[in-house]
Amino acid sequence: MIPLNYDELLILRGKEGTLGMVKAGDHTQYFIETEKEEILLALDPEDVLVASGFGTDEKTLNGIKCVLYMIREVGSPFIVLPKNHPASKRLKVVVSAGGRIRLSCSITPGTHPEQDILCGTDEFHGLEVKGVNGGVELNGLTGGKIERIPFVI
């Protein structure tokens, strides 16, 4: 278990991609917007929001921070694109939220309303992120550098 407080961001940097993780905390209601409907996602305070960035540079990390901040702190909804939407190829950061999130490199970024799966780079394929009391568990991690930083913009 890796400790994670509500005011921290856990970063996992790989060779090709970066993951950012924050606790849901007091913000427990989120909206998922699809082409056809709006879905209410209810989270527990110990659940996690996980952002997957397709890069390792500072710009990617700043994008991860920004997206997580916009969703958790500002209340922006999760946007799910229709299958085969041309914007999927241009997404640099995608996000999922819940108690358990699996990373997959075999799905199309931004097109899955299911919040238990998240598109990631090959190196994170099969990784499972679980929100647990006081932190997160990373199951199936095979590499990367982990750090905790304050969750501020």
C-alpha atoms as a PDB file:
ATOM      1  CA  MET A   1       0.000   0.000   0.000  1.00  0.00           C
ATOM      2  CA  ILE A   2       1.255   3.464  -0.922  1.00  0.00           C
ATOM      3  CA  PRO A   3      -0.004   6.214   1.395  1.00  0.00           C
ATOM      4  CA  LEU A   4      -2.001   8.974  -0.318  1.00  0.00           C
ATOM      5  CA  ASN A   5      -3.711  11.873   1.417  1.00  0.00           C
ATOM      6  CA  TYR A   6      -6.553  13.929  -0.073  1.00  0.00           C
ATOM      7  CA  ASP A   7      -4.262  16.899  -0.703  1.00  0.00           C
ATOM      8  CA  GLU A   8      -1.621  14.853  -2.563  1.00  0.00           C
ATOM      9  CA  LEU A   9      -1.055  13.641  -6.105  1.00  0.00           C
ATOM     10  CA  LEU A  10       0.617  10.287  -6.626  1.00  0.00           C
ATOM     11  CA  ILE A  11       2.637  10.160  -9.831  1.00  0.00           C
ATOM     12  CA  LEU A  12       3.871   7.048 -11.593  1.00  0.00           C
ATOM     13  CA  ARG A  13       6.341   7.888 -14.349  1.00  0.00           C
ATOM     14  CA  GLY A  14       7.266   5.261 -16.868  1.00  0.00           C
ATOM     15  CA  LYS A  15       9.400   5.355 -19.998  1.00  0.00           C
ATOM     16  CA  GLU A  16       6.461   6.162 -22.299  1.00  0.00           C
ATOM     17  CA  GLY A  17       3.606   7.305 -20.077  1.00  0.00           C
ATOM     18  CA  THR A  18       2.652   8.935 -16.802  1.00  0.00           C
ATOM     19  CA  LEU A  19      -0.163   8.173 -14.369  1.00  0.00           C
ATOM     20  CA  GLY A  20      -1.545  10.627 -11.818  1.00  0.00           C
ATOM     21  CA  MET A  21      -3.794   9.569  -8.945  1.00  0.00           C
ATOM     22  CA  VAL A  22      -5.839  11.538  -6.395  1.00  0.00           C
ATOM     23  CA  LYS A  23      -8.401  10.493  -3.806  1.00  0.00           C
ATOM     24  CA  ALA A  24     -12.052  11.408  -4.398  1.00  0.00           C
ATOM     25  CA  GLY A  25     -12.233  12.869  -0.884  1.00  0.00           C
ATOM     26  CA  ASP A  26     -15.288  14.975  -0.132  1.00  0.00           C
ATOM     27  CA  HIS A  27     -16.162  15.184  -3.820  1.00  0.00           C
ATOM     28  CA  THR A  28     -18.238  12.039  -4.232  1.00  0.00           C
ATOM     29  CA  GLN A  29     -20.621  12.843  -7.095  1.00  0.00           C
ATOM     30  CA  TYR A  30     -19.375  13.067 -10.662  1.00  0.00           C
ATOM     31  CA  PHE A  31     -21.107  13.142 -14.022  1.00  0.00           C
ATOM     32  CA  ILE A  32     -20.219  11.103 -17.089  1.00  0.00           C
ATOM     33  CA  GLU A  33     -21.433  12.634 -20.351  1.00  0.00           C
ATOM     34  CA  THR A  34     -21.922  10.317 -23.307  1.00  0.00           C
ATOM     35  CA  GLU A  35     -23.437  10.999 -26.701  1.00  0.00           C
ATOM     36  CA  LYS A  36     -26.807   9.677 -25.495  1.00  0.00           C
ATOM     37  CA  GLU A  37     -27.024  10.161 -21.745  1.00  0.00           C
ATOM     38  CA  GLU A  38     -25.725  11.645 -18.533  1.00  0.00           C
ATOM     39  CA  ILE A  39     -24.643   9.141 -15.872  1.00  0.00           C
ATOM     40  CA  LEU A  40     -24.194   9.961 -12.189  1.00  0.00           C
ATOM     41  CA  LEU A  41     -21.083   8.329 -10.725  1.00  0.00           C
ATOM     42  CA  ALA A  42     -21.103   8.095  -6.926  1.00  0.00           C
ATOM     43  CA  LEU A  43     -17.708   7.529  -5.296  1.00  0.00           C
ATOM     44  CA  ASP A  44     -16.516   6.831  -1.786  1.00  0.00           C
ATOM     45  CA  PRO A  45     -13.934   9.242  -0.298  1.00  0.00           C
ATOM     46  CA  GLU A  46     -11.222   6.548  -0.552  1.00  0.00           C
ATOM     47  CA  ASP A  47     -11.890   5.880  -4.262  1.00  0.00           C
ATOM     48  CA  VAL A  48      -9.419   7.287  -6.773  1.00  0.00           C
ATOM     49  CA  LEU A  49      -9.377   9.414  -9.887  1.00  0.00           C
ATOM     50  CA  VAL A  50      -6.637   8.177 -12.206  1.00  0.00           C
ATOM     51  CA  ALA A  51      -5.340  10.161 -15.176  1.00  0.00           C
ATOM     52  CA  SER A  52      -3.249   8.470 -17.845  1.00  0.00           C
ATOM     53  CA  GLY A  53      -0.931  10.649 -19.889  1.00  0.00           C
ATOM     54  CA  PHE A  54       0.711   9.601 -23.137  1.00  0.00           C
ATOM     55  CA  GLY A  55       4.113  11.138 -22.482  1.00  0.00           C
ATOM     56  CA  THR A  56       6.606  11.722 -19.689  1.00  0.00           C
ATOM     57  CA  ASP A  57       7.525  15.372 -20.089  1.00  0.00           C
ATOM     58  CA  GLU A  58       6.548  18.274 -17.836  1.00  0.00           C
ATOM     59  CA  LYS A  59       3.769  19.304 -20.229  1.00  0.00           C
ATOM     60  CA  THR A  60       2.122  15.873 -19.807  1.00  0.00           C
ATOM     61  CA  LEU A  61       2.403  16.075 -16.015  1.00  0.00           C
ATOM     62  CA  ASN A  62       0.870  19.564 -16.020  1.00  0.00           C
ATOM     63  CA  GLY A  63      -1.969  18.260 -18.207  1.00  0.00           C
ATOM     64  CA  ILE A  64      -2.603  15.428 -15.744  1.00  0.00           C
ATOM     65  CA  LYS A  65      -2.697  17.875 -12.819  1.00  0.00           C
ATOM     66  CA  CYS A  66      -5.017  20.196 -14.712  1.00  0.00           C
ATOM     67  CA  VAL A  67      -7.476  17.483 -15.788  1.00  0.00           C
ATOM     68  CA  LEU A  68      -7.666  15.984 -12.300  1.00  0.00           C
ATOM     69  CA  TYR A  69      -8.148  19.458 -10.792  1.00  0.00           C
ATOM     70  CA  MET A  70     -10.865  20.355 -13.312  1.00  0.00           C
ATOM     71  CA  ILE A  71     -12.775  17.161 -12.561  1.00  0.00           C
ATOM     72  CA  ARG A  72     -12.378  16.927  -8.779  1.00  0.00           C
ATOM     73  CA  GLU A  73     -12.185  20.555  -7.698  1.00  0.00           C
ATOM     74  CA  VAL A  74     -14.113  22.423 -10.406  1.00  0.00           C
ATOM     75  CA  GLY A  75     -16.711  19.721 -11.064  1.00  0.00           C
ATOM     76  CA  SER A  76     -16.161  19.275 -14.795  1.00  0.00           C
ATOM     77  CA  PRO A  77     -17.800  16.114 -16.128  1.00  0.00           C
ATOM     78  CA  PHE A  78     -16.106  13.099 -17.640  1.00  0.00           C
ATOM     79  CA  ILE A  79     -16.600  13.286 -21.414  1.00  0.00           C
ATOM     80  CA  VAL A  80     -16.958   9.996 -23.299  1.00  0.00           C
ATOM     81  CA  LEU A  81     -16.481  10.156 -27.052  1.00  0.00           C
ATOM     82  CA  PRO A  82     -18.406   7.918 -29.459  1.00  0.00           C
ATOM     83  CA  LYS A  83     -16.501   4.953 -30.901  1.00  0.00           C
ATOM     84  CA  ASN A  84     -14.358   5.961 -33.899  1.00  0.00           C
ATOM     85  CA  HIS A  85     -14.489   9.680 -33.003  1.00  0.00           C
ATOM     86  CA  PRO A  86     -11.541  11.439 -34.687  1.00  0.00           C
ATOM     87  CA  ALA A  87     -10.581  13.289 -31.477  1.00  0.00           C
ATOM     88  CA  SER A  88      -9.622   9.998 -29.777  1.00  0.00           C
ATOM     89  CA  LYS A  89      -6.309  10.037 -31.650  1.00  0.00           C
ATOM     90  CA  ARG A  90      -5.484  13.499 -30.292  1.00  0.00           C
ATOM     91  CA  LEU A  91      -6.208  12.886 -26.607  1.00  0.00           C
ATOM     92  CA  LYS A  92      -3.051  13.315 -24.517  1.00  0.00           C
ATOM     93  CA  VAL A  93      -4.675  12.615 -21.110  1.00  0.00           C
ATOM     94  CA  VAL A  94      -7.642  10.378 -20.232  1.00  0.00           C
ATOM     95  CA  VAL A  95      -9.279   9.778 -16.834  1.00  0.00           C
ATOM     96  CA  SER A  96     -11.252   7.114 -14.966  1.00  0.00           C
ATOM     97  CA  ALA A  97     -12.546   7.006 -11.395  1.00  0.00           C
ATOM     98  CA  GLY A  98     -13.627   4.364  -8.928  1.00  0.00           C
ATOM     99  CA  GLY A  99     -12.505   1.893  -6.318  1.00  0.00           C
ATOM    100  CA  ARG A 100     -10.601  -0.266  -8.823  1.00  0.00           C
ATOM    101  CA  ILE A 101      -9.278   0.734 -12.253  1.00  0.00           C
ATOM    102  CA  ARG A 102      -7.510  -1.531 -14.756  1.00  0.00           C
ATOM    103  CA  LEU A 103      -5.088  -0.111 -17.314  1.00  0.00           C
ATOM    104  CA  SER A 104      -5.269  -1.390 -20.880  1.00  0.00           C
ATOM    105  CA  CYS A 105      -3.335  -0.505 -24.009  1.00  0.00           C
ATOM    106  CA  SER A 106      -5.871  -2.282 -26.212  1.00  0.00           C
ATOM    107  CA  ILE A 107      -8.782   0.177 -25.919  1.00  0.00           C
ATOM    108  CA  THR A 108      -9.451   3.477 -27.687  1.00  0.00           C
ATOM    109  CA  PRO A 109      -8.739   6.537 -25.497  1.00  0.00           C
ATOM    110  CA  GLY A 110     -11.780   8.447 -24.296  1.00  0.00           C
ATOM    111  CA  THR A 111     -14.478   6.088 -25.580  1.00  0.00           C
ATOM    112  CA  HIS A 112     -15.320   3.964 -22.526  1.00  0.00           C
ATOM    113  CA  PRO A 113     -18.058   5.094 -20.127  1.00  0.00           C
ATOM    114  CA  GLU A 114     -17.166   2.146 -17.862  1.00  0.00           C
ATOM    115  CA  GLN A 115     -15.023   3.647 -15.132  1.00  0.00           C
ATOM    116  CA  ASP A 116     -13.198   0.440 -14.224  1.00  0.00           C
ATOM    117  CA  ILE A 117     -10.944   0.561 -17.313  1.00  0.00           C
ATOM    118  CA  LEU A 118      -8.504   3.201 -18.504  1.00  0.00           C
ATOM    119  CA  CYS A 119      -6.377   3.465 -21.624  1.00  0.00           C
ATOM    120  CA  GLY A 120      -2.660   3.542 -20.909  1.00  0.00           C
ATOM    121  CA  THR A 121       0.701   2.980 -22.520  1.00  0.00           C
ATOM    122  CA  ASP A 122       2.047  -0.547 -23.131  1.00  0.00           C
ATOM    123  CA  GLU A 123       4.238  -0.461 -20.025  1.00  0.00           C
ATOM    124  CA  PHE A 124       1.185  -0.052 -17.756  1.00  0.00           C
ATOM    125  CA  HIS A 125      -1.007  -2.653 -19.513  1.00  0.00           C
ATOM    126  CA  GLY A 126      -2.588  -4.899 -16.875  1.00  0.00           C
ATOM    127  CA  LEU A 127      -1.822  -2.596 -13.939  1.00  0.00           C
ATOM    128  CA  GLU A 128      -4.622  -2.383 -11.391  1.00  0.00           C
ATOM    129  CA  VAL A 129      -5.056   0.720  -9.234  1.00  0.00           C
ATOM    130  CA  LYS A 130      -7.174   0.270  -6.105  1.00  0.00           C
ATOM    131  CA  GLY A 131      -8.257   2.976  -3.708  1.00  0.00           C
ATOM    132  CA  VAL A 132      -7.788   1.702  -0.164  1.00  0.00           C
ATOM    133  CA  ASN A 133      -8.099   3.303   3.241  1.00  0.00           C
ATOM    134  CA  GLY A 134      -5.322   5.907   3.475  1.00  0.00           C
ATOM    135  CA  GLY A 135      -3.743   5.171   0.110  1.00  0.00           C
ATOM    136  CA  VAL A 136      -3.643   3.153  -3.082  1.00  0.00           C
ATOM    137  CA  GLU A 137      -2.548  -0.323  -4.081  1.00  0.00           C
ATOM    138  CA  LEU A 138      -0.800  -0.881  -7.393  1.00  0.00           C
ATOM    139  CA  ASN A 139      -1.123  -4.517  -8.484  1.00  0.00           C
ATOM    140  CA  GLY A 140       0.846  -5.763 -11.459  1.00  0.00           C
ATOM    141  CA  LEU A 141       3.312  -2.886 -11.508  1.00  0.00           C
ATOM    142  CA  THR A 142       6.476  -3.867 -13.366  1.00  0.00           C
ATOM    143  CA  GLY A 143       8.405  -0.605 -13.396  1.00  0.00           C
ATOM    144  CA  GLY A 144       8.330   3.147 -13.168  1.00  0.00           C
ATOM    145  CA  LYS A 145       9.182   5.794 -10.612  1.00  0.00           C
ATOM    146  CA  ILE A 146       6.634   6.732  -7.924  1.00  0.00           C
ATOM    147  CA  GLU A 147       6.446  10.106  -6.165  1.00  0.00           C
ATOM    148  CA  ARG A 148       3.925  12.019  -4.083  1.00  0.00           C
ATOM    149  CA  ILE A 149       3.557  15.763  -4.478  1.00  0.00           C
ATOM    150  CA  PRO A 150       1.058  18.346  -3.190  1.00  0.00           C
ATOM    151  CA  PHE A 151      -2.134  18.459  -5.290  1.00  0.00           C
ATOM    152  CA  VAL A 152      -2.175  22.149  -6.145  1.00  0.00           C
ATOM    153  CA  ILE A 153      -2.336  24.121  -9.359  1.00  0.00           C
END
